[in-house]
PDB file of N, CA and C in Angstrom:
ATOM      1  N   MET A   1      87.310 109.877 116.066  1.00  0.00           N
ATOM      2  CA  MET A   1      87.124 108.526 116.520  1.00  0.00           C
ATOM      3  C   MET A   1      88.473 107.988 116.966  1.00  0.00           C
ATOM      4  N   THR A   2      88.514 107.431 118.124  1.00  0.00           N
ATOM      5  CA  THR A   2      89.721 106.838 118.655  1.00  0.00           C
ATOM      6  C   THR A   2      89.698 105.345 118.378  1.00  0.00           C
ATOM      7  N   LEU A   3      90.756 104.838 117.805  1.00  0.00           N
ATOM      8  CA  LEU A   3      90.858 103.404 117.575  1.00  0.00           C
ATOM      9  C   LEU A   3      91.960 102.854 118.449  1.00  0.00           C
ATOM     10  N   THR A   4      91.737 101.653 118.966  1.00  0.00           N
ATOM     11  CA  THR A   4      92.673 101.084 119.911  1.00  0.00           C
ATOM     12  C   THR A   4      93.646 100.134 119.235  1.00  0.00           C
ATOM     13  N   ASP A   5      94.695  99.818 119.966  1.00  0.00           N
ATOM     14  CA  ASP A   5      95.700  98.888 119.485  1.00  0.00           C
ATOM     15  C   ASP A   5      95.265  97.437 119.669  1.00  0.00           C
ATOM     16  N   SER A   6      94.402  97.169 120.628  1.00  0.00           N
ATOM     17  CA  SER A   6      93.980  95.822 120.958  1.00  0.00           C
ATOM     18  C   SER A   6      92.757  95.413 120.137  1.00  0.00           C
ATOM     19  N   PHE A   7      92.791  94.222 119.554  1.00  0.00           N
ATOM     20  CA  PHE A   7      91.669  93.743 118.762  1.00  0.00           C
ATOM     21  C   PHE A   7      90.429  93.562 119.633  1.00  0.00           C
ATOM     22  N   GLU A   8      90.617  93.109 120.871  1.00  0.00           N
ATOM     23  CA  GLU A   8      89.492  92.941 121.779  1.00  0.00           C
ATOM     24  C   GLU A   8      88.827  94.287 122.064  1.00  0.00           C
ATOM     25  N   ASN A   9      89.625  95.309 122.277  1.00  0.00           N
ATOM     26  CA  ASN A   9      89.071  96.649 122.502  1.00  0.00           C
ATOM     27  C   ASN A   9      88.392  97.175 121.236  1.00  0.00           C
ATOM     28  N   PHE A  10      88.952  96.870 120.086  1.00  0.00           N
ATOM     29  CA  PHE A  10      88.365  97.242 118.805  1.00  0.00           C
ATOM     30  C   PHE A  10      86.969  96.635 118.678  1.00  0.00           C
ATOM     31  N   LEU A  11      86.834  95.338 119.008  1.00  0.00           N
ATOM     32  CA  LEU A  11      85.530  94.687 118.938  1.00  0.00           C
ATOM     33  C   LEU A  11      84.546  95.278 119.946  1.00  0.00           C
ATOM     34  N   THR A  12      85.029  95.606 121.134  1.00  0.00           N
ATOM     35  CA  THR A  12      84.167  96.227 122.142  1.00  0.00           C
ATOM     36  C   THR A  12      83.683  97.593 121.672  1.00  0.00           C
ATOM     37  N   GLU A  13      84.569  98.369 121.058  1.00  0.00           N
ATOM     38  CA  GLU A  13      84.169  99.672 120.519  1.00  0.00           C
ATOM     39  C   GLU A  13      83.125  99.502 119.421  1.00  0.00           C
ATOM     40  N   LEU A  14      83.311  98.503 118.553  1.00  0.00           N
ATOM     41  CA  LEU A  14      82.324  98.233 117.512  1.00  0.00           C
ATOM     42  C   LEU A  14      80.977  97.873 118.127  1.00  0.00           C
ATOM     43  N   LYS A  15      80.994  97.075 119.170  1.00  0.00           N
ATOM     44  CA  LYS A  15      79.751  96.684 119.848  1.00  0.00           C
ATOM     45  C   LYS A  15      79.029  97.920 120.375  1.00  0.00           C
ATOM     46  N   GLN A  16      79.763  98.823 120.982  1.00  0.00           N
ATOM     47  CA  GLN A  16      79.161 100.054 121.492  1.00  0.00           C
ATOM     48  C   GLN A  16      78.527 100.859 120.361  1.00  0.00           C
ATOM     49  N   LYS A  17      79.227 100.971 119.237  1.00  0.00           N
ATOM     50  CA  LYS A  17      78.695 101.733 118.092  1.00  0.00           C
ATOM     51  C   LYS A  17      77.447 101.057 117.513  1.00  0.00           C
ATOM     52  N   ILE A  18      77.464  99.734 117.450  1.00  0.00           N
ATOM     53  CA  ILE A  18      76.298  99.002 116.956  1.00  0.00           C
ATOM     54  C   ILE A  18      75.099  99.216 117.870  1.00  0.00           C
ATOM     55  N   GLU A  19      75.326  99.176 119.176  1.00  0.00           N
ATOM     56  CA  GLU A  19      74.229  99.383 120.117  1.00  0.00           C
ATOM     57  C   GLU A  19      73.629 100.776 119.976  1.00  0.00           C
ATOM     58  N   VAL A  20      74.477 101.775 119.783  1.00  0.00           N
ATOM     59  CA  VAL A  20      73.980 103.147 119.575  1.00  0.00           C
ATOM     60  C   VAL A  20      73.164 103.200 118.285  1.00  0.00           C
ATOM     61  N   ALA A  21      73.676 102.595 117.224  1.00  0.00           N
ATOM     62  CA  ALA A  21      72.958 102.601 115.947  1.00  0.00           C
ATOM     63  C   ALA A  21      71.599 101.926 116.077  1.00  0.00           C
ATOM     64  N   LYS A  22      71.538 100.829 116.825  1.00  0.00           N
ATOM     65  CA  LYS A  22      70.266 100.133 117.023  1.00  0.00           C
ATOM     66  C   LYS A  22      69.263 101.000 117.775  1.00  0.00           C
ATOM     67  N   THR A  23      69.752 101.769 118.755  1.00  0.00           N
ATOM     68  CA  THR A  23      68.831 102.615 119.528  1.00  0.00           C
ATOM     69  C   THR A  23      68.252 103.737 118.680  1.00  0.00           C
ATOM     70  N   THR A  24      68.920 104.060 117.577  1.00  0.00           N
ATOM     71  CA  THR A  24      68.384 105.090 116.677  1.00  0.00           C
ATOM     72  C   THR A  24      67.447 104.493 115.635  1.00  0.00           C
ATOM     73  N   GLY A  25      67.262 103.155 115.693  1.00  0.00           N
ATOM     74  CA  GLY A  25      66.343 102.503 114.781  1.00  0.00           C
ATOM     75  C   GLY A  25      66.964 101.938 113.521  1.00  0.00           C
ATOM     76  N   MET A  26      68.288 101.922 113.442  1.00  0.00           N
ATOM     77  CA  MET A  26      68.942 101.389 112.245  1.00  0.00           C
ATOM     78  C   MET A  26      68.825  99.861 112.219  1.00  0.00           C
ATOM     79  N   SER A  27      68.603  99.315 111.022  1.00  0.00           N
ATOM     80  CA  SER A  27      68.547  97.868 110.829  1.00  0.00           C
ATOM     81  C   SER A  27      69.966  97.311 110.673  1.00  0.00           C
ATOM     82  N   GLU A  28      70.082  95.991 110.714  1.00  0.00           N
ATOM     83  CA  GLU A  28      71.382  95.353 110.498  1.00  0.00           C
ATOM     84  C   GLU A  28      71.946  95.740 109.136  1.00  0.00           C
ATOM     85  N   SER A  29      71.095  95.759 108.125  1.00  0.00           N
ATOM     86  CA  SER A  29      71.526  96.126 106.775  1.00  0.00           C
ATOM     87  C   SER A  29      72.048  97.564 106.729  1.00  0.00           C
ATOM     88  N   GLN A  30      71.346  98.472 107.364  1.00  0.00           N
ATOM     89  CA  GLN A  30      71.795  99.869 107.386  1.00  0.00           C
ATOM     90  C   GLN A  30      73.116 100.004 108.131  1.00  0.00           C
ATOM     91  N   ILE A  31      73.248  99.276 109.223  1.00  0.00           N
ATOM     92  CA  ILE A  31      74.485  99.336 110.012  1.00  0.00           C
ATOM     93  C   ILE A  31      75.657  98.791 109.194  1.00  0.00           C
ATOM     94  N   THR A  32      75.459  97.664 108.522  1.00  0.00           N
ATOM     95  CA  THR A  32      76.573  97.099 107.747  1.00  0.00           C
ATOM     96  C   THR A  32      76.911  97.970 106.542  1.00  0.00           C
ATOM     97  N   ASN A  33      75.918  98.619 105.941  1.00  0.00           N
ATOM     98  CA  ASN A  33      76.213  99.553 104.845  1.00  0.00           C
ATOM     99  C   ASN A  33      77.035 100.732 105.336  1.00  0.00           C
ATOM    100  N   GLN A  34      76.703 101.261 106.509  1.00  0.00           N
ATOM    101  CA  GLN A  34      77.487 102.357 107.076  1.00  0.00           C
ATOM    102  C   GLN A  34      78.883 101.870 107.473  1.00  0.00           C
ATOM    103  N   ALA A  35      78.957 100.632 107.971  1.00  0.00           N
ATOM    104  CA  ALA A  35      80.258 100.061 108.336  1.00  0.00           C
ATOM    105  C   ALA A  35      81.156  99.948 107.115  1.00  0.00           C
ATOM    106  N   ALA A  36      80.569  99.620 105.962  1.00  0.00           N
ATOM    107  CA  ALA A  36      81.359  99.539 104.729  1.00  0.00           C
ATOM    108  C   ALA A  36      81.917 100.911 104.361  1.00  0.00           C
ATOM    109  N   LYS A  37      81.131 101.956 104.554  1.00  0.00           N
ATOM    110  CA  LYS A  37      81.619 103.316 104.277  1.00  0.00           C
ATOM    111  C   LYS A  37      82.750 103.686 105.231  1.00  0.00           C
ATOM    112  N   VAL A  38      82.596 103.321 106.497  1.00  0.00           N
ATOM    113  CA  VAL A  38      83.657 103.587 107.477  1.00  0.00           C
ATOM    114  C   VAL A  38      84.901 102.782 107.108  1.00  0.00           C
ATOM    115  N   GLY A  39      84.699 101.538 106.668  1.00  0.00           N
ATOM    116  CA  GLY A  39      85.830 100.707 106.240  1.00  0.00           C
ATOM    117  C   GLY A  39      86.612 101.345 105.108  1.00  0.00           C
ATOM    118  N   ASP A  40      85.897 101.949 104.164  1.00  0.00           N
ATOM    119  CA  ASP A  40      86.578 102.663 103.076  1.00  0.00           C
ATOM    120  C   ASP A  40      87.451 103.787 103.623  1.00  0.00           C
ATOM    121  N   TRP A  41      86.883 104.575 104.515  1.00  0.00           N
ATOM    122  CA  TRP A  41      87.618 105.697 105.103  1.00  0.00           C
ATOM    123  C   TRP A  41      88.836 105.193 105.874  1.00  0.00           C
ATOM    124  N   LEU A  42      88.627 104.181 106.714  1.00  0.00           N
ATOM    125  CA  LEU A  42      89.737 103.651 107.509  1.00  0.00           C
ATOM    126  C   LEU A  42      90.852 103.124 106.606  1.00  0.00           C
ATOM    127  N   SER A  43      90.468 102.436 105.542  1.00  0.00           N
ATOM    128  CA  SER A  43      91.454 101.874 104.631  1.00  0.00           C
ATOM    129  C   SER A  43      92.322 102.951 103.990  1.00  0.00           C
ATOM    130  N   LYS A  44      91.726 104.096 103.729  1.00  0.00           N
ATOM    131  CA  LYS A  44      92.459 105.190 103.081  1.00  0.00           C
ATOM    132  C   LYS A  44      93.283 106.034 104.055  1.00  0.00           C
ATOM    133  N   TYR A  45      92.773 106.241 105.262  1.00  0.00           N
ATOM    134  CA  TYR A  45      93.359 107.268 106.132  1.00  0.00           C
ATOM    135  C   TYR A  45      93.886 106.777 107.478  1.00  0.00           C
ATOM    136  N   TYR A  46      93.677 105.532 107.819  1.00  0.00           N
ATOM    137  CA  TYR A  46      94.084 105.044 109.138  1.00  0.00           C
ATOM    138  C   TYR A  46      95.208 104.026 109.005  1.00  0.00           C
ATOM    139  N   ASP A  47      96.265 104.219 109.769  1.00  0.00           N
ATOM    140  CA  ASP A  47      97.375 103.277 109.791  1.00  0.00           C
ATOM    141  C   ASP A  47      97.079 102.205 110.846  1.00  0.00           C
ATOM    142  N   PRO A  48      96.909 100.951 110.432  1.00  0.00           N
ATOM    143  CA  PRO A  48      96.581  99.888 111.391  1.00  0.00           C
ATOM    144  C   PRO A  48      97.629  99.781 112.494  1.00  0.00           C
ATOM    145  N   LYS A  49      97.135  99.555 113.717  1.00  0.00           N
ATOM    146  CA  LYS A  49      98.035  99.492 114.873  1.00  0.00           C
ATOM    147  C   LYS A  49      98.305  98.064 115.334  1.00  0.00           C
ATOM    148  N   SER A  50      97.497  97.105 114.881  1.00  0.00           N
ATOM    149  CA  SER A  50      97.687  95.719 115.318  1.00  0.00           C
ATOM    150  C   SER A  50      97.726  94.811 114.092  1.00  0.00           C
ATOM    151  N   PRO A  51      98.238  93.599 114.259  1.00  0.00           N
ATOM    152  CA  PRO A  51      98.250  92.657 113.133  1.00  0.00           C
ATOM    153  C   PRO A  51      96.833  92.371 112.605  1.00  0.00           C
ATOM    154  N   GLU A  52      95.861  92.311 113.508  1.00  0.00           N
ATOM    155  CA  GLU A  52      94.488  92.048 113.090  1.00  0.00           C
ATOM    156  C   GLU A  52      93.939  93.202 112.248  1.00  0.00           C
ATOM    157  N   GLN A  53      94.224  94.426 112.661  1.00  0.00           N
ATOM    158  CA  GLN A  53      93.781  95.583 111.887  1.00  0.00           C
ATOM    159  C   GLN A  53      94.486  95.627 110.535  1.00  0.00           C
ATOM    160  N   ARG A  54      95.741  95.247 110.500  1.00  0.00           N
ATOM    161  CA  ARG A  54      96.497  95.191 109.240  1.00  0.00           C
ATOM    162  C   ARG A  54      95.861  94.157 108.307  1.00  0.00           C
ATOM    163  N   LEU A  55      95.498  92.987 108.845  1.00  0.00           N
ATOM    164  CA  LEU A  55      94.858  91.955 108.039  1.00  0.00           C
ATOM    165  C   LEU A  55      93.528  92.458 107.484  1.00  0.00           C
ATOM    166  N   LEU A  56      92.719  93.105 108.322  1.00  0.00           N
ATOM    167  CA  LEU A  56      91.446  93.651 107.838  1.00  0.00           C
ATOM    168  C   LEU A  56      91.678  94.662 106.715  1.00  0.00           C
ATOM    169  N   LYS A  57      92.668  95.526 106.884  1.00  0.00           N
ATOM    170  CA  LYS A  57      92.967  96.521 105.846  1.00  0.00           C
ATOM    171  C   LYS A  57      93.381  95.841 104.544  1.00  0.00           C
ATOM    172  N   GLU A  58      94.259  94.850 104.638  1.00  0.00           N
ATOM    173  CA  GLU A  58      94.723  94.161 103.436  1.00  0.00           C
ATOM    174  C   GLU A  58      93.567  93.443 102.738  1.00  0.00           C
ATOM    175  N   LEU A  59      92.710  92.788 103.507  1.00  0.00           N
ATOM    176  CA  LEU A  59      91.539  92.134 102.921  1.00  0.00           C
ATOM    177  C   LEU A  59      90.620  93.157 102.261  1.00  0.00           C
ATOM    178  N   TRP A  60      90.411  94.277 102.952  1.00  0.00           N
ATOM    179  CA  TRP A  60      89.547  95.334 102.433  1.00  0.00           C
ATOM    180  C   TRP A  60      90.075  95.870 101.104  1.00  0.00           C
ATOM    181  N   ASP A  61      91.368  96.105 101.073  1.00  0.00           N
ATOM    182  CA  ASP A  61      91.983  96.722  99.888  1.00  0.00           C
ATOM    183  C   ASP A  61      91.908  95.840  98.642  1.00  0.00           C
ATOM    184  N   VAL A  62      91.876  94.528  98.812  1.00  0.00           N
ATOM    185  CA  VAL A  62      91.835  93.643  97.646  1.00  0.00           C
ATOM    186  C   VAL A  62      90.423  93.166  97.318  1.00  0.00           C
ATOM    187  N   SER A  63      89.440  93.591  98.099  1.00  0.00           N
ATOM    188  CA  SER A  63      88.070  93.111  97.936  1.00  0.00           C
ATOM    189  C   SER A  63      87.248  94.017  97.024  1.00  0.00           C
ATOM    190  N   SER A  64      86.295  93.403  96.355  1.00  0.00           N
ATOM    191  CA  SER A  64      85.316  94.167  95.572  1.00  0.00           C
ATOM    192  C   SER A  64      84.322  94.802  96.547  1.00  0.00           C
ATOM    193  N   GLU A  65      83.472  95.669  96.028  1.00  0.00           N
ATOM    194  CA  GLU A  65      82.479  96.327  96.891  1.00  0.00           C
ATOM    195  C   GLU A  65      81.574  95.299  97.566  1.00  0.00           C
ATOM    196  N   SER A  66      81.152  94.290  96.846  1.00  0.00           N
ATOM    197  CA  SER A  66      80.279  93.276  97.456  1.00  0.00           C
ATOM    198  C   SER A  66      81.033  92.464  98.510  1.00  0.00           C
ATOM    199  N   GLU A  67      82.305  92.204  98.268  1.00  0.00           N
ATOM    200  CA  GLU A  67      83.119  91.497  99.260  1.00  0.00           C
ATOM    201  C   GLU A  67      83.340  92.366 100.499  1.00  0.00           C
ATOM    202  N   GLN A  68      83.514  93.673 100.304  1.00  0.00           N
ATOM    203  CA  GLN A  68      83.667  94.575 101.438  1.00  0.00           C
ATOM    204  C   GLN A  68      82.401  94.590 102.290  1.00  0.00           C
ATOM    205  N   LYS A  69      81.240  94.572 101.632  1.00  0.00           N
ATOM    206  CA  LYS A  69      79.981  94.506 102.393  1.00  0.00           C
ATOM    207  C   LYS A  69      79.897  93.191 103.158  1.00  0.00           C
ATOM    208  N   ALA A  70      80.413  92.108 102.569  1.00  0.00           N
ATOM    209  CA  ALA A  70      80.431  90.817 103.261  1.00  0.00           C
ATOM    210  C   ALA A  70      81.359  90.871 104.478  1.00  0.00           C
ATOM    211  N   ILE A  71      82.490  91.534 104.349  1.00  0.00           N
ATOM    212  CA  ILE A  71      83.413  91.696 105.486  1.00  0.00           C
ATOM    213  C   ILE A  71      82.724  92.499 106.593  1.00  0.00           C
ATOM    214  N   ALA A  72      82.069  93.592 106.226  1.00  0.00           N
ATOM    215  CA  ALA A  72      81.358  94.410 107.213  1.00  0.00           C
ATOM    216  C   ALA A  72      80.265  93.588 107.893  1.00  0.00           C
ATOM    217  N   SER A  73      79.547  92.792 107.126  1.00  0.00           N
ATOM    218  CA  SER A  73      78.496  91.945 107.686  1.00  0.00           C
ATOM    219  C   SER A  73      79.077  90.894 108.629  1.00  0.00           C
ATOM    220  N   ALA A  74      80.195  90.303 108.233  1.00  0.00           N
ATOM    221  CA  ALA A  74      80.848  89.299 109.084  1.00  0.00           C
ATOM    222  C   ALA A  74      81.334  89.920 110.389  1.00  0.00           C
ATOM    223  N   LEU A  75      81.891  91.132 110.320  1.00  0.00           N
ATOM    224  CA  LEU A  75      82.313  91.817 111.555  1.00  0.00           C
ATOM    225  C   LEU A  75      81.114  92.096 112.452  1.00  0.00           C
ATOM    226  N   TYR A  76      80.005  92.519 111.852  1.00  0.00           N
ATOM    227  CA  TYR A  76      78.772  92.759 112.611  1.00  0.00           C
ATOM    228  C   TYR A  76      78.373  91.477 113.353  1.00  0.00           C
ATOM    229  N   LYS A  77      78.345  90.367 112.636  1.00  0.00           N
ATOM    230  CA  LYS A  77      77.956  89.092 113.243  1.00  0.00           C
ATOM    231  C   LYS A  77      78.933  88.660 114.319  1.00  0.00           C
ATOM    232  N   LEU A  78      80.219  88.839 114.069  1.00  0.00           N
ATOM    233  CA  LEU A  78      81.237  88.494 115.063  1.00  0.00           C
ATOM    234  C   LEU A  78      80.994  89.272 116.352  1.00  0.00           C
ATOM    235  N   VAL A  79      80.800  90.563 116.224  1.00  0.00           N
ATOM    236  CA  VAL A  79      80.594  91.416 117.399  1.00  0.00           C
ATOM    237  C   VAL A  79      79.307  91.030 118.121  1.00  0.00           C
ATOM    238  N   GLU A  80      78.240  90.803 117.372  1.00  0.00           N
ATOM    239  CA  GLU A  80      76.955  90.458 117.980  1.00  0.00           C
ATOM    240  C   GLU A  80      77.022  89.133 118.738  1.00  0.00           C
ATOM    241  N   ARG A  81      77.787  88.188 118.234  1.00  0.00           N
ATOM    242  CA  ARG A  81      77.830  86.842 118.845  1.00  0.00           C
ATOM    243  C   ARG A  81      78.891  86.680 119.913  1.00  0.00           C
ATOM    244  N   LYS A  82      79.971  87.443 119.806  1.00  0.00           N
ATOM    245  CA  LYS A  82      81.117  87.190 120.695  1.00  0.00           C
ATOM    246  C   LYS A  82      81.356  88.248 121.758  1.00  0.00           C
ATOM    247  N   VAL A  83      80.819  89.453 121.568  1.00  0.00           N
ATOM    248  CA  VAL A  83      81.114  90.535 122.511  1.00  0.00           C
ATOM    249  C   VAL A  83      79.878  90.770 123.371  1.00  0.00           C
ATOM    250  N   PRO A  84      80.038  90.721 124.716  1.00  0.00           N
ATOM    251  CA  PRO A  84      78.896  90.954 125.587  1.00  0.00           C
ATOM    252  C   PRO A  84      78.342  92.376 125.420  1.00  0.00           C
ATOM    253  N   ALA A  85      77.058  92.519 125.711  1.00  0.00           N
ATOM    254  CA  ALA A  85      76.427  93.841 125.659  1.00  0.00           C
ATOM    255  C   ALA A  85      77.159  94.776 126.602  1.00  0.00           C
ATOM    256  N   THR A  86      77.240  96.037 126.210  1.00  0.00           N
ATOM    257  CA  THR A  86      77.984  97.012 127.010  1.00  0.00           C
ATOM    258  C   THR A  86      77.102  97.722 128.013  1.00  0.00           C
ATOM    259  N   ARG A  87      75.815  97.495 127.970  1.00  0.00           N
ATOM    260  CA  ARG A  87      74.909  98.171 128.912  1.00  0.00           C
ATOM    261  C   ARG A  87      74.445  97.254 129.985  1.00  0.00           C
TER     262      ARG A  87
END
């Protein structure tokens, strides 16, 4: 997975991944649960490239599991409301 330096590009990439997940029949809940798992992996193995990614990592690292799911859900909502469809 390639991650970008730009937060706008990061959100666009998330939108693309969400759209693919939806086409496979995944619900919002399933998508956010998978996003939480990806967040765990990113927090452990990915060095943030932008201040926004650094902030997300720091928030993730100090959050409980339920708070991490809330962060994943909030990112889902942000992408759904603010990023135009890619198709």
